[in-house]
């Protein structure tokens, strides 16, 4: 019995050591990749991190979701065929400091300053989940620079109390790199079984490559605080708007999308049956044609 116990203890110890080494190696490599894969510039008395793919119009600026960054925005840009993609990290995410966008309006101003720096006159702005707040603010504050607005499962007003109550402990859970690494590593291995479309698969993989999540924690906390008081006058949005949402989205209830479609004068609603919170990147046969139709209409 003793040799068996000793062997089991040895295997457990060896497995734990292997897991620890793998975690340390992968998270260090991911941090290096994330912190060196973008440009970091000074605009409007603050700094912002971004990547740009392409230098010809039309341009799309991706305002990424919570727990995101330029890397995930860059991946989402794959849905916008024929567009040059500008993908910044919002305030508090990766290298972009919190003071780049303490409010959605301030983040919109920083987006505009980035466009000035890049000499880009106007963009389609696409906001996903919590990133919709800054996208909405940009469309309202800079209509002359906003060719169109896309909202993907976007927050268009303060979510109901049950969502806000869920987000606070979720934020705490997401500050621990090790637990998130374990979960994301397991999920990533299943993605090819869940998604066949090349673009959607690349986006979902980018969502899982968010380690170390501690580099995105401050941004997530700030998103939650902004959501508590977000009540924009959507009727003031004057640009063509595409709203993509799912009937089974529990984080941003579908009635938000339906209300936004009624209040925004030039809005079109694509409601995806049985779609969850990720449906704006998970149903390419529906999402891509809708985006291309919008691009053609404004070109």
Protein backbone atom coordinates (compact mmCIF):
# COMPACT_ATOMS: atom_id res chain seq x y z
CA UNK A 1 0.00 0.00 0.00
CA UNK A 2 2.78 2.43 0.91
CA UNK A 3 4.52 2.23 -2.50
CA UNK A 4 1.18 2.91 -4.20
CA UNK A 5 0.55 5.95 -1.99
CA UNK A 6 4.07 7.19 -2.64
CA UNK A 7 3.63 6.77 -6.39
CA UNK A 8 0.30 8.60 -6.31
CA UNK A 9 1.83 11.45 -4.33
CA UNK A 10 4.69 11.65 -6.80
CA UNK A 11 2.31 11.83 -9.75
CA UNK A 12 0.22 14.52 -8.08
CA UNK A 13 3.32 16.53 -7.27
CA UNK A 14 4.71 16.16 -10.77
CA UNK A 15 1.38 17.11 -12.31
CA UNK A 16 1.08 20.18 -10.09
CA UNK A 17 4.61 21.27 -10.96
CA UNK A 18 3.93 20.81 -14.68
CA UNK A 19 0.69 22.79 -14.41
CA UNK A 20 2.43 25.63 -12.57
CA UNK A 21 5.26 25.81 -15.10
CA UNK A 22 2.84 25.73 -18.03
CA UNK A 23 0.72 28.47 -16.48
CA UNK A 24 3.70 30.71 -15.78
CA UNK A 25 5.14 30.24 -19.26
CA UNK A 26 1.87 30.78 -21.13
CA UNK A 27 0.75 33.80 -19.10
CA UNK A 28 4.16 35.48 -19.37
CA UNK A 29 4.19 34.86 -23.12
CA UNK A 30 0.63 36.18 -23.45
CA UNK A 31 1.45 39.33 -21.48
CA UNK A 32 4.48 40.00 -23.68
CA UNK A 33 2.43 39.44 -26.83
CA UNK A 34 -0.40 41.70 -25.69
CA UNK A 35 1.84 44.52 -24.49
CA UNK A 36 4.00 44.59 -27.61
CA UNK A 37 1.44 43.93 -30.34
CA UNK A 38 0.06 47.46 -30.53
CA UNK A 39 1.03 51.11 -30.86
CA UNK A 40 0.86 53.46 -27.86
CA UNK A 41 0.42 57.17 -28.59
CA UNK A 42 -0.28 60.44 -26.83
CA UNK A 43 -3.50 62.19 -27.85
CA UNK A 44 -5.54 64.95 -26.19
CA UNK A 45 -3.45 65.00 -22.99
CA UNK A 46 -3.80 61.25 -22.46
CA UNK A 47 -2.54 58.03 -24.04
CA UNK A 48 -4.23 55.28 -25.98
CA UNK A 49 -3.21 51.92 -27.35
CA UNK A 50 -4.42 50.76 -30.76
CA UNK A 51 -3.77 48.72 -33.87
CA UNK A 52 -4.71 49.66 -37.41
CA UNK A 53 -5.19 47.37 -40.39
CA UNK A 54 -5.56 49.17 -43.70
CA UNK A 55 -5.35 52.84 -44.59
CA UNK A 56 -8.19 53.39 -47.04
CA UNK A 57 -11.88 54.18 -46.44
CA UNK A 58 -14.28 53.03 -45.30
CA UNK A 59 -12.86 52.78 -41.79
CA UNK A 60 -14.42 50.97 -38.85
CA UNK A 61 -13.45 51.68 -35.25
CA UNK A 62 -14.19 48.79 -32.90
CA UNK A 63 -15.17 49.69 -29.32
CA UNK A 64 -14.56 46.32 -27.72
CA UNK A 65 -16.57 44.49 -25.08
CA UNK A 66 -15.85 44.16 -21.35
CA UNK A 67 -12.68 42.19 -20.52
CA UNK A 68 -11.47 42.99 -24.02
CA UNK A 69 -8.74 45.09 -25.59
CA UNK A 70 -7.28 46.04 -28.95
CA UNK A 71 -6.57 42.37 -29.67
CA UNK A 72 -10.21 41.36 -29.42
CA UNK A 73 -11.35 44.45 -31.30
CA UNK A 74 -8.91 43.56 -34.06
CA UNK A 75 -10.44 40.09 -34.28
CA UNK A 76 -13.99 41.47 -34.41
CA UNK A 77 -12.84 43.61 -37.33
CA UNK A 78 -12.79 40.45 -39.44
CA UNK A 79 -16.57 40.79 -39.75
CA UNK A 80 -16.18 44.11 -41.58
CA UNK A 81 -14.94 42.96 -44.97
CA UNK A 82 -13.68 45.75 -47.17
CA UNK A 83 -13.07 48.11 -44.24
CA UNK A 84 -9.83 49.36 -42.73
CA UNK A 85 -9.94 48.47 -39.03
CA UNK A 86 -8.95 50.70 -36.11
CA UNK A 87 -8.99 48.76 -32.84
CA UNK A 88 -8.10 50.70 -29.68
CA UNK A 89 -8.02 49.43 -26.13
CA UNK A 90 -10.63 51.31 -24.13
CA UNK A 91 -9.75 53.03 -20.86
CA UNK A 92 -8.37 50.66 -18.23
CA UNK A 93 -7.69 47.84 -20.67
CA UNK A 94 -4.13 46.67 -21.30
CA UNK A 95 -2.00 49.82 -21.78
CA UNK A 96 -4.70 52.47 -22.15
CA UNK A 97 -4.94 54.39 -18.84
CA UNK A 98 -8.19 54.96 -16.99
CA UNK A 99 -8.03 58.70 -17.57
CA UNK A 100 -8.45 58.14 -21.30
CA UNK A 101 -12.15 57.58 -20.66
CA UNK A 102 -13.58 58.01 -17.17
CA UNK A 103 -16.99 58.35 -18.82
CA UNK A 104 -18.36 57.12 -22.15
CA UNK A 105 -18.29 60.73 -23.36
CA UNK A 106 -14.62 61.12 -22.40
CA UNK A 107 -13.80 57.86 -24.18
CA UNK A 108 -15.60 59.14 -27.27
CA UNK A 109 -13.47 62.29 -27.14
CA UNK A 110 -10.32 60.16 -26.97
CA UNK A 111 -11.54 58.14 -29.96
CA UNK A 112 -11.97 61.41 -31.88
CA UNK A 113 -8.48 62.54 -30.86
CA UNK A 114 -7.08 59.22 -32.09
CA UNK A 115 -8.77 59.74 -35.45
CA UNK A 116 -7.18 63.20 -35.61
CA UNK A 117 -3.80 61.62 -34.93
CA UNK A 118 -4.38 59.05 -37.68
CA UNK A 119 -5.76 61.67 -40.08
CA UNK A 120 -8.97 59.66 -40.49
CA UNK A 121 -11.96 61.94 -41.17
CA UNK A 122 -14.80 59.57 -40.32
CA UNK A 123 -15.58 55.99 -39.33
CA UNK A 124 -18.24 53.42 -38.83
CA UNK A 125 -18.14 52.91 -35.08
CA UNK A 126 -19.05 49.47 -33.77
CA UNK A 127 -19.66 48.95 -30.06
CA UNK A 128 -19.92 45.51 -28.53
CA UNK A 129 -21.49 44.79 -25.13
CA UNK A 130 -20.13 47.40 -22.67
CA UNK A 131 -18.19 49.02 -25.52
CA UNK A 132 -21.50 50.19 -26.94
CA UNK A 133 -21.63 52.97 -24.35
CA UNK A 134 -18.58 54.73 -25.82
CA UNK A 135 -19.79 54.03 -29.37
CA UNK A 136 -23.17 55.61 -28.63
CA UNK A 137 -21.46 58.62 -27.06
CA UNK A 138 -19.26 59.00 -30.16
CA UNK A 139 -22.25 58.86 -32.51
CA UNK A 140 -24.02 61.53 -30.45
CA UNK A 141 -21.03 63.85 -29.95
CA UNK A 142 -19.43 63.51 -33.39
CA UNK A 143 -22.20 62.85 -35.95
CA UNK A 144 -20.12 64.47 -38.68
CA UNK A 145 -17.37 61.88 -38.10
CA UNK A 146 -19.67 58.90 -37.63
CA UNK A 147 -20.81 57.34 -40.90
CA UNK A 148 -22.80 54.63 -39.11
CA UNK A 149 -23.22 52.96 -35.74
CA UNK A 150 -23.25 49.21 -35.09
CA UNK A 151 -24.33 47.85 -31.70
CA UNK A 152 -23.51 44.20 -31.05
CA UNK A 153 -25.36 42.96 -27.98
CA UNK A 154 -24.76 46.49 -26.78
CA UNK A 155 -25.51 48.16 -23.47
CA UNK A 156 -27.88 51.00 -24.37
CA UNK A 157 -28.97 51.92 -20.83
CA UNK A 158 -28.39 50.73 -17.27
CA UNK A 159 -29.00 46.96 -17.12
CA UNK A 160 -31.59 45.59 -14.68
CA UNK A 161 -30.57 45.06 -11.03
CA UNK A 162 -30.06 41.30 -11.37
CA UNK A 163 -27.40 41.92 -14.03
CA UNK A 164 -25.62 44.56 -11.97
CA UNK A 165 -25.69 42.26 -8.93
CA UNK A 166 -24.07 39.53 -11.04
CA UNK A 167 -21.34 41.75 -12.50
CA UNK A 168 -19.72 42.74 -9.19
CA UNK A 169 -18.69 39.20 -8.12
CA UNK A 170 -17.84 38.41 -11.75
CA UNK A 171 -15.37 41.29 -11.72
CA UNK A 172 -13.70 39.89 -8.61
CA UNK A 173 -13.50 36.41 -10.14
CA UNK A 174 -11.88 37.84 -13.25
CA UNK A 175 -8.99 39.44 -11.40
CA UNK A 176 -7.34 36.05 -10.78
CA UNK A 177 -5.14 35.04 -13.68
CA UNK A 178 -4.73 31.37 -12.74
CA UNK A 179 -8.41 30.44 -12.53
CA UNK A 180 -9.18 32.28 -15.75
CA UNK A 181 -6.24 30.58 -17.47
CA UNK A 182 -7.57 27.15 -16.48
CA UNK A 183 -11.05 27.90 -17.77
CA UNK A 184 -10.02 29.62 -20.99
CA UNK A 185 -7.51 26.88 -21.83
CA UNK A 186 -10.24 24.27 -21.52
CA UNK A 187 -12.81 26.29 -23.47
CA UNK A 188 -10.42 27.04 -26.32
CA UNK A 189 -9.95 23.35 -27.03
CA UNK A 190 -13.69 22.95 -27.63
CA UNK A 191 -14.12 25.92 -29.97
CA UNK A 192 -13.49 24.04 -33.26
CA UNK A 193 -16.37 21.75 -32.28
CA UNK A 194 -18.69 24.71 -31.70
CA UNK A 195 -17.83 27.02 -34.57
CA UNK A 196 -17.00 26.31 -38.23
CA UNK A 197 -16.82 29.81 -39.66
CA UNK A 198 -13.19 30.93 -39.89
CA UNK A 199 -13.84 34.52 -38.83
CA UNK A 200 -16.12 33.65 -35.91
CA UNK A 201 -13.66 31.01 -34.72
CA UNK A 202 -10.82 33.54 -34.77
CA UNK A 203 -12.92 36.01 -32.77
CA UNK A 204 -13.91 33.44 -30.15
CA UNK A 205 -10.28 32.36 -29.81
CA UNK A 206 -9.28 35.98 -29.26
CA UNK A 207 -11.88 36.19 -26.50
CA UNK A 208 -10.21 33.24 -24.77
CA UNK A 209 -6.70 34.67 -25.24
CA UNK A 210 -7.33 37.34 -22.61
CA UNK A 211 -4.73 36.19 -20.09
CA UNK A 212 -3.44 37.71 -17.94
CA UNK A 213 -6.89 39.09 -17.12
CA UNK A 214 -5.36 41.29 -14.43
CA UNK A 215 -4.29 43.61 -17.27
CA UNK A 216 -7.99 44.16 -18.08
CA UNK A 217 -9.44 44.26 -14.57
CA UNK A 218 -9.44 48.05 -14.09
CA UNK A 219 -11.31 48.53 -17.34
CA UNK A 220 -13.96 46.00 -16.35
CA UNK A 221 -14.48 47.75 -13.02
CA UNK A 222 -14.86 51.08 -14.78
CA UNK A 223 -17.35 49.59 -17.25
CA UNK A 224 -19.51 48.44 -14.34
CA UNK A 225 -19.45 51.90 -12.76
CA UNK A 226 -20.38 53.54 -16.06
CA UNK A 227 -23.28 51.15 -16.59
CA UNK A 228 -24.83 52.20 -13.28
CA UNK A 229 -25.65 55.67 -14.61
CA UNK A 230 -25.84 55.18 -18.38
CA UNK A 231 -29.09 56.70 -19.69
CA UNK A 232 -28.43 58.24 -23.12
CA UNK A 233 -31.07 60.05 -25.15
CA UNK A 234 -31.01 57.60 -28.04
CA UNK A 235 -33.43 59.71 -30.06
CA UNK A 236 -30.56 62.15 -30.61
CA UNK A 237 -28.60 59.60 -32.68
CA UNK A 238 -28.93 60.69 -36.31
CA UNK A 239 -26.65 58.25 -38.11
CA UNK A 240 -27.64 54.95 -39.76
CA UNK A 241 -27.61 52.30 -37.04
CA UNK A 242 -27.52 48.51 -37.11
CA UNK A 243 -28.49 46.78 -33.88
CA UNK A 244 -27.58 43.10 -33.55
CA UNK A 245 -28.95 41.25 -30.53
CA UNK A 246 -30.06 37.83 -29.33
CA UNK A 247 -33.41 36.76 -27.95
CA UNK A 248 -31.67 34.81 -25.17
CA UNK A 249 -29.11 37.43 -24.10
CA UNK A 250 -29.27 37.42 -20.29
CA UNK A 251 -26.57 40.06 -19.71
CA UNK A 252 -28.12 42.72 -21.93
CA UNK A 253 -31.83 41.85 -22.10
CA UNK A 254 -33.32 41.94 -25.61
CA UNK A 255 -35.84 44.61 -24.64
CA UNK A 256 -32.91 47.06 -24.56
CA UNK A 257 -32.25 46.39 -28.24
CA UNK A 258 -35.93 46.61 -29.13
CA UNK A 259 -36.29 49.90 -27.27
CA UNK A 260 -33.15 51.30 -28.93
CA UNK A 261 -34.45 50.33 -32.38
CA UNK A 262 -37.66 52.23 -31.68
CA UNK A 263 -35.92 55.35 -30.36
CA UNK A 264 -33.06 55.71 -32.85
CA UNK A 265 -34.58 57.26 -36.01
CA UNK A 266 -32.41 55.43 -38.58
CA UNK A 267 -32.08 52.11 -36.76
CA UNK A 268 -32.41 48.62 -38.17
CA UNK A 269 -32.74 45.67 -35.77
CA UNK A 270 -31.37 42.19 -36.42
CA UNK A 271 -32.79 40.04 -33.62
CA UNK A 272 -31.21 36.59 -33.66
CA UNK A 273 -33.52 33.83 -32.46
CA UNK A 274 -32.00 31.82 -29.58
CA UNK A 275 -28.88 34.01 -29.71
CA UNK A 276 -26.99 34.64 -26.49
CA UNK A 277 -24.67 37.46 -25.47
CA UNK A 278 -22.08 36.48 -28.07
CA UNK A 279 -24.49 36.12 -30.98
CA UNK A 280 -23.22 39.25 -32.74
CA UNK A 281 -20.04 37.30 -33.55
CA UNK A 282 -21.47 33.76 -33.54
CA UNK A 283 -24.02 33.82 -36.39
CA UNK A 284 -21.92 34.80 -39.42
CA UNK A 285 -24.58 33.77 -41.96
CA UNK A 286 -26.83 36.46 -40.48
CA UNK A 287 -24.37 39.04 -39.15
CA UNK A 288 -22.01 39.39 -42.12
CA UNK A 289 -24.74 40.13 -44.72
CA UNK A 290 -26.32 42.70 -42.41
CA UNK A 291 -22.99 44.48 -41.94
CA UNK A 292 -22.22 44.40 -45.67
CA UNK A 293 -25.65 45.84 -46.46
CA UNK A 294 -24.97 48.73 -44.08
CA UNK A 295 -21.54 49.36 -45.63
CA UNK A 296 -23.02 49.42 -49.15
CA UNK A 297 -25.77 51.81 -48.12
CA UNK A 298 -23.38 54.41 -46.72
CA UNK A 299 -20.72 54.06 -49.42
